Amino acid sequence: NFGTVLTGTMGGGATRFDTMSSEFSINNGLVSFRTLDFFGPEASIKSKGELSLPLWKIDLKSSIKLVEPPDSPALDVLIKGRLINLCKPLEKAQWMLILIVS
């Protein structure tokens, strides 16, 4: 269920994805993802968007779909803005704020 996936990704746990698929191009430091998809036994994530390496910014739209229940609606998540120091882990509250604000 969504609680398990959310807790796994934000609470220090893990959500297993068996397959990753991507179509992208890189031009002058701009990574354009036509697709960036992850598939697992509990959920799938389908994404598209851009990552600017020179500007250190991201604009990525993702749709998270749970396997169970099969009729559950997808959760759309927008990750947009400047990237921060990725070597420093974010606290759970900071990730929640990013998801809510987006």
C-alpha atoms as a PDB file:
ATOM      1  CA  ASN A   1       0.000   0.000   0.000  1.00  0.00           C
ATOM      2  CA  PHE A   2       0.988   3.652  -0.313  1.00  0.00           C
ATOM      3  CA  GLY A   3       1.954   3.919   3.354  1.00  0.00           C
ATOM      4  CA  THR A   4       4.476   1.113   2.935  1.00  0.00           C
ATOM      5  CA  VAL A   5       5.989   2.692  -0.172  1.00  0.00           C
ATOM      6  CA  LEU A   6       6.114   6.175   1.393  1.00  0.00           C
ATOM      7  CA  THR A   7       7.605   4.919   4.655  1.00  0.00           C
ATOM      8  CA  GLY A   8      10.134   2.838   2.757  1.00  0.00           C
ATOM      9  CA  THR A   9      11.331   5.711   0.626  1.00  0.00           C
ATOM     10  CA  MET A  10      11.307   8.407   3.293  1.00  0.00           C
ATOM     11  CA  GLY A  11      11.763   6.612   6.585  1.00  0.00           C
ATOM     12  CA  GLY A  12      15.176   5.097   6.062  1.00  0.00           C
ATOM     13  CA  GLY A  13      13.748   1.885   4.630  1.00  0.00           C
ATOM     14  CA  ALA A  14      13.713   0.679   1.072  1.00  0.00           C
ATOM     15  CA  THR A  15      11.239   0.088  -1.714  1.00  0.00           C
ATOM     16  CA  ARG A  16      12.423  -2.563  -4.129  1.00  0.00           C
ATOM     17  CA  PHE A  17      12.338  -1.870  -7.844  1.00  0.00           C
ATOM     18  CA  ASP A  18      13.210  -4.752 -10.134  1.00  0.00           C
ATOM     19  CA  THR A  19      13.452  -2.852 -13.401  1.00  0.00           C
ATOM     20  CA  MET A  20      14.571   0.586 -14.510  1.00  0.00           C
ATOM     21  CA  SER A  21      14.066   1.928 -18.007  1.00  0.00           C
ATOM     22  CA  SER A  22      15.098   5.300 -19.409  1.00  0.00           C
ATOM     23  CA  GLU A  23      15.278   7.245 -22.658  1.00  0.00           C
ATOM     24  CA  PHE A  24      17.259  10.452 -22.402  1.00  0.00           C
ATOM     25  CA  SER A  25      19.542  12.821 -24.263  1.00  0.00           C
ATOM     26  CA  ILE A  26      22.351  15.039 -22.997  1.00  0.00           C
ATOM     27  CA  ASN A  27      23.127  18.331 -24.717  1.00  0.00           C
ATOM     28  CA  ASN A  28      25.375  21.046 -23.220  1.00  0.00           C
ATOM     29  CA  GLY A  29      24.853  19.650 -19.721  1.00  0.00           C
ATOM     30  CA  LEU A  30      21.063  19.440 -20.000  1.00  0.00           C
ATOM     31  CA  VAL A  31      19.782  15.915 -19.407  1.00  0.00           C
ATOM     32  CA  SER A  32      16.329  15.553 -20.980  1.00  0.00           C
ATOM     33  CA  PHE A  33      14.480  12.457 -19.770  1.00  0.00           C
ATOM     34  CA  ARG A  34      11.825  11.338 -22.235  1.00  0.00           C
ATOM     35  CA  THR A  35      11.219   8.473 -19.815  1.00  0.00           C
ATOM     36  CA  LEU A  36      12.704   7.504 -16.448  1.00  0.00           C
ATOM     37  CA  ASP A  37      10.688   4.556 -15.174  1.00  0.00           C
ATOM     38  CA  PHE A  38      11.022   2.169 -12.233  1.00  0.00           C
ATOM     39  CA  PHE A  39       8.947  -0.990 -11.770  1.00  0.00           C
ATOM     40  CA  GLY A  40       8.681  -3.147  -8.670  1.00  0.00           C
ATOM     41  CA  PRO A  41       6.378  -5.566  -6.856  1.00  0.00           C
ATOM     42  CA  GLU A  42       4.714  -2.802  -4.788  1.00  0.00           C
ATOM     43  CA  ALA A  43       4.733   0.224  -7.090  1.00  0.00           C
ATOM     44  CA  SER A  44       5.845   1.739 -10.356  1.00  0.00           C
ATOM     45  CA  ILE A  45       7.183   5.234 -10.954  1.00  0.00           C
ATOM     46  CA  LYS A  46       7.045   6.882 -14.375  1.00  0.00           C
ATOM     47  CA  SER A  47       8.919  10.148 -14.786  1.00  0.00           C
ATOM     48  CA  LYS A  48       9.929  12.681 -17.412  1.00  0.00           C
ATOM     49  CA  GLY A  49      11.641  16.041 -17.272  1.00  0.00           C
ATOM     50  CA  GLU A  50      15.006  17.756 -17.245  1.00  0.00           C
ATOM     51  CA  LEU A  51      18.127  18.011 -15.128  1.00  0.00           C
ATOM     52  CA  SER A  52      20.433  20.975 -15.771  1.00  0.00           C
ATOM     53  CA  LEU A  53      23.951  20.166 -14.641  1.00  0.00           C
ATOM     54  CA  PRO A  54      25.370  23.676 -15.319  1.00  0.00           C
ATOM     55  CA  LEU A  55      22.549  25.367 -13.367  1.00  0.00           C
ATOM     56  CA  TRP A  56      22.216  22.503 -10.854  1.00  0.00           C
ATOM     57  CA  LYS A  57      18.410  22.505 -11.270  1.00  0.00           C
ATOM     58  CA  ILE A  58      15.799  19.801 -11.758  1.00  0.00           C
ATOM     59  CA  ASP A  59      12.324  19.811 -13.275  1.00  0.00           C
ATOM     60  CA  LEU A  60      10.923  16.289 -13.063  1.00  0.00           C
ATOM     61  CA  LYS A  61       7.294  15.123 -13.064  1.00  0.00           C
ATOM     62  CA  SER A  62       6.660  11.652 -11.706  1.00  0.00           C
ATOM     63  CA  SER A  63       3.575   9.500 -11.397  1.00  0.00           C
ATOM     64  CA  ILE A  64       3.587   6.832  -8.670  1.00  0.00           C
ATOM     65  CA  LYS A  65       1.165   3.927  -9.119  1.00  0.00           C
ATOM     66  CA  LEU A  66       0.637   1.217  -6.524  1.00  0.00           C
ATOM     67  CA  VAL A  67       0.237  -2.400  -7.573  1.00  0.00           C
ATOM     68  CA  GLU A  68      -2.366  -3.008  -4.844  1.00  0.00           C
ATOM     69  CA  PRO A  69      -5.163  -2.124  -4.888  1.00  0.00           C
ATOM     70  CA  PRO A  70      -5.270  -2.246  -8.684  1.00  0.00           C
ATOM     71  CA  ASP A  71      -7.817   0.595  -8.893  1.00  0.00           C
ATOM     72  CA  SER A  72      -5.797   3.007  -6.753  1.00  0.00           C
ATOM     73  CA  PRO A  73      -5.230   6.393  -8.376  1.00  0.00           C
ATOM     74  CA  ALA A  74      -1.728   7.484  -9.328  1.00  0.00           C
ATOM     75  CA  LEU A  75       0.022  10.069  -7.182  1.00  0.00           C
ATOM     76  CA  ASP A  76       1.623  12.815  -9.264  1.00  0.00           C
ATOM     77  CA  VAL A  77       4.764  14.366  -7.780  1.00  0.00           C
ATOM     78  CA  LEU A  78       6.635  17.380  -9.133  1.00  0.00           C
ATOM     79  CA  ILE A  79      10.277  17.818  -8.163  1.00  0.00           C
ATOM     80  CA  LYS A  80      11.400  21.247  -9.306  1.00  0.00           C
ATOM     81  CA  GLY A  81      14.047  23.766  -8.349  1.00  0.00           C
ATOM     82  CA  ARG A  82      17.667  24.004  -7.322  1.00  0.00           C
ATOM     83  CA  LEU A  83      19.405  20.879  -6.210  1.00  0.00           C
ATOM     84  CA  ILE A  84      21.020  21.023  -2.807  1.00  0.00           C
ATOM     85  CA  ASN A  85      24.149  19.347  -1.521  1.00  0.00           C
ATOM     86  CA  LEU A  86      23.228  15.758  -2.352  1.00  0.00           C
ATOM     87  CA  CYS A  87      26.028  14.475  -0.119  1.00  0.00           C
ATOM     88  CA  LYS A  88      24.029  15.681   2.886  1.00  0.00           C
ATOM     89  CA  PRO A  89      20.905  13.562   3.498  1.00  0.00           C
ATOM     90  CA  LEU A  90      17.585  15.356   3.860  1.00  0.00           C
ATOM     91  CA  GLU A  91      15.474  14.812   6.919  1.00  0.00           C
ATOM     92  CA  LYS A  92      12.060  13.207   6.454  1.00  0.00           C
ATOM     93  CA  ALA A  93      10.292  16.527   7.181  1.00  0.00           C
ATOM     94  CA  GLN A  94      12.265  18.265   4.408  1.00  0.00           C
ATOM     95  CA  TRP A  95      11.201  15.616   1.847  1.00  0.00           C
ATOM     96  CA  MET A  96       7.577  15.946   2.968  1.00  0.00           C
ATOM     97  CA  LEU A  97       7.782  19.725   2.476  1.00  0.00           C
ATOM     98  CA  ILE A  98       9.205  19.266  -1.024  1.00  0.00           C
ATOM     99  CA  LEU A  99       6.355  16.890  -1.929  1.00  0.00           C
ATOM    100  CA  ILE A 100       3.641  19.120  -0.438  1.00  0.00           C
ATOM    101  CA  VAL A 101       4.934  22.398  -1.894  1.00  0.00           C
ATOM    102  CA  SER A 102       5.406  20.865  -5.322  1.00  0.00           C
END
